[in-house]
Amino acid sequence: MVRFEKFPLLLGLVLVTTLVGAPTTAAGPVCRDAEKFSRASFPEGFLWGTATAAFQVEGAVDEGCRGPSMWDTFTKKYPQRCQYHNADVAVDFYHRYKEDIKLMKDL
């Protein structure tokens, strides 16, 4: 199940980054060969990796051995500062890790 609660924020961030951060010249984008960018652009043996932050992905704040992090505590103590959001569920990696790891493997 896809969660769309933060989609408008993400879309806005992508739009702003694209409009403000894209290097251009009068003739167009600086990186004209960007369309040719692929895995083959990297040297042989290049290692790809992934990373996460527990607060952003785990969820399950009160399950198993996972206790509240400082951010869990902060979002509960000052909910108005976080627009009443917290990471009690997040993307629920705690329960969906097998699916997520398969997705990473398939990249």
Foldseek 3Di string as FASTA:
>chain_A
DDDCPCVVVVVVVVVCCCVPVFDADPVGGPCPCPVVDDPVVDDPPDDDDDDDDCFQAAACCPDDPHHDDPQQVVCVVCVVVVVNDGRNPRNNCNVVVVVVVVVVVVD
